[in-house]
């Protein structure tokens, strides 16, 4: 997203919708995006961070399916959940768009996305 009156640019997460409501802190537009649940945040990551909100909601909420360690929310180019026992356990999953809507047959959370349901583990065959 680019500012009409200046040179500022704001990268939006995939699937984010820009809203008509201004940010109460800075006046820039807000956006709505889903990462485990719906978040409404400022488009400026310096003002409000999606990473921080996802981390506050989901860090250490789920257990690693391989070693029973905690899954941590991290950013490595994109949002991930990875085992806190790294490097001994290298389990990691890309944090999907959509909202958590139950539990997959494998025990990990299941997400309702725009098109379907999927497990946190995108390769899981037990997702609804």
Protein backbone atom coordinates (compact mmCIF):
# COMPACT_ATOMS: atom_id res chain seq x y z
CA UNK A 1 0.00 0.00 0.00
CA UNK A 2 1.38 3.41 -0.90
CA UNK A 3 0.62 6.76 0.72
CA UNK A 4 -1.15 9.11 -1.71
CA UNK A 5 0.36 12.30 -0.25
CA UNK A 6 3.90 11.06 0.44
CA UNK A 7 6.44 8.40 -0.51
CA UNK A 8 5.65 6.04 2.39
CA UNK A 9 4.82 2.41 1.57
CA UNK A 10 3.27 -0.20 3.82
CA UNK A 11 3.52 -3.92 3.13
CA UNK A 12 0.29 -5.74 3.83
CA UNK A 13 0.12 -9.39 4.84
CA UNK A 14 -1.36 -11.71 2.21
CA UNK A 15 -5.14 -11.70 2.43
CA UNK A 16 -5.35 -8.47 4.45
CA UNK A 17 -8.25 -6.09 3.83
CA UNK A 18 -7.73 -2.35 4.28
CA UNK A 19 -10.53 -0.81 6.33
CA UNK A 20 -12.06 2.67 6.29
CA UNK A 21 -11.33 3.08 10.01
CA UNK A 22 -8.20 5.08 10.92
CA UNK A 23 -5.72 3.88 13.53
CA UNK A 24 -6.47 5.56 16.86
CA UNK A 25 -2.75 5.98 17.56
CA UNK A 26 -1.44 7.44 14.29
CA UNK A 27 -4.38 8.07 11.94
CA UNK A 28 -3.20 5.76 9.15
CA UNK A 29 -5.66 3.20 7.76
CA UNK A 30 -6.26 -0.05 9.60
CA UNK A 31 -6.39 -3.55 8.14
CA UNK A 32 -8.06 -6.82 9.02
CA UNK A 33 -6.16 -10.04 8.61
CA UNK A 34 -6.46 -13.59 9.91
CA UNK A 35 -3.59 -15.50 11.48
CA UNK A 36 -5.13 -17.95 13.93
CA UNK A 37 -7.85 -15.41 14.70
CA UNK A 38 -8.97 -12.11 13.18
CA UNK A 39 -6.79 -9.10 13.96
CA UNK A 40 -7.53 -5.44 13.22
CA UNK A 41 -4.28 -3.47 13.18
CA UNK A 42 -2.65 -0.36 11.79
CA UNK A 43 -1.09 -0.82 8.34
CA UNK A 44 2.19 0.55 9.79
CA UNK A 45 4.06 -2.35 11.43
CA UNK A 46 5.97 0.18 13.53
CA UNK A 47 2.67 1.34 15.06
CA UNK A 48 1.09 -2.11 15.59
CA UNK A 49 2.84 -5.39 14.82
CA UNK A 50 0.96 -8.43 13.52
CA UNK A 51 3.90 -10.55 14.68
CA UNK A 52 3.53 -9.27 18.25
CA UNK A 53 -0.23 -9.88 18.25
CA UNK A 54 0.09 -13.43 16.88
CA UNK A 55 2.90 -14.14 19.35
CA UNK A 56 0.77 -12.87 22.28
CA UNK A 57 -2.16 -15.04 21.19
CA UNK A 58 -0.40 -18.28 20.18
CA UNK A 59 3.20 -18.48 21.47
CA UNK A 60 3.66 -21.73 23.42
CA UNK A 61 -0.05 -22.62 23.09
CA UNK A 62 0.55 -25.85 21.15
CA UNK A 63 2.91 -28.76 21.75
CA UNK A 64 5.41 -30.06 19.22
CA UNK A 65 4.09 -33.32 17.74
CA UNK A 66 7.62 -34.74 17.50
CA UNK A 67 9.10 -34.09 20.96
CA UNK A 68 6.29 -32.51 23.04
CA UNK A 69 8.23 -29.24 23.38
CA UNK A 70 6.42 -25.92 23.04
CA UNK A 71 5.76 -24.42 19.60
CA UNK A 72 6.99 -20.81 19.47
CA UNK A 73 5.81 -18.12 17.05
CA UNK A 74 8.82 -16.81 15.12
CA UNK A 75 9.55 -14.82 11.97
CA UNK A 76 11.98 -16.30 9.46
CA UNK A 77 10.94 -14.38 6.34
CA UNK A 78 7.33 -15.23 7.19
CA UNK A 79 5.47 -16.25 10.34
CA UNK A 80 6.28 -19.74 11.57
CA UNK A 81 5.66 -21.87 14.61
CA UNK A 82 8.76 -23.82 15.51
CA UNK A 83 9.77 -26.10 18.34
CA UNK A 84 11.53 -24.40 21.23
CA UNK A 85 13.84 -27.43 21.45
CA UNK A 86 15.61 -26.34 18.24
CA UNK A 87 18.26 -27.38 17.14
CA UNK A 88 17.60 -30.78 18.76
CA UNK A 89 14.12 -30.75 17.21
CA UNK A 90 13.69 -29.02 13.85
CA UNK A 91 9.89 -29.19 13.65
CA UNK A 92 8.43 -25.99 12.17
CA UNK A 93 5.25 -25.04 10.34
CA UNK A 94 4.27 -21.99 8.31
CA UNK A 95 1.59 -20.04 10.18
CA UNK A 96 -1.43 -20.18 7.84
CA UNK A 97 -4.06 -17.59 7.05
CA UNK A 98 -7.44 -18.32 8.56
CA UNK A 99 -8.72 -18.84 12.08
CA UNK A 100 -8.20 -21.75 14.44
CA UNK A 101 -11.37 -23.79 14.28
CA UNK A 102 -10.82 -26.97 16.22
CA UNK A 103 -8.23 -29.68 16.38
CA UNK A 104 -6.93 -31.85 13.57
CA UNK A 105 -6.93 -35.63 13.97
CA UNK A 106 -3.15 -35.43 14.53
CA UNK A 107 -3.59 -33.16 17.58
CA UNK A 108 -2.41 -29.90 16.02
CA UNK A 109 -4.81 -26.97 15.49
CA UNK A 110 -7.01 -26.92 12.42
CA UNK A 111 -7.61 -23.65 10.55
CA UNK A 112 -10.68 -22.53 8.63
CA UNK A 113 -9.33 -20.73 5.56
CA UNK A 114 -11.11 -18.97 2.68
CA UNK A 115 -11.38 -22.21 0.67
CA UNK A 116 -11.15 -25.11 3.09
CA UNK A 117 -9.93 -26.42 6.42
CA UNK A 118 -6.31 -27.27 6.96
CA UNK A 119 -4.06 -28.53 9.69
CA UNK A 120 -1.20 -26.40 11.01
CA UNK A 121 0.92 -29.11 9.37
CA UNK A 122 0.11 -28.48 5.69
CA UNK A 123 1.25 -32.05 4.83
CA UNK A 124 -1.13 -33.71 7.33
CA UNK A 125 -3.61 -36.08 5.70
CA UNK A 126 -6.01 -36.11 8.67
CA UNK A 127 -7.26 -32.50 8.29
CA UNK A 128 -11.06 -32.11 7.97
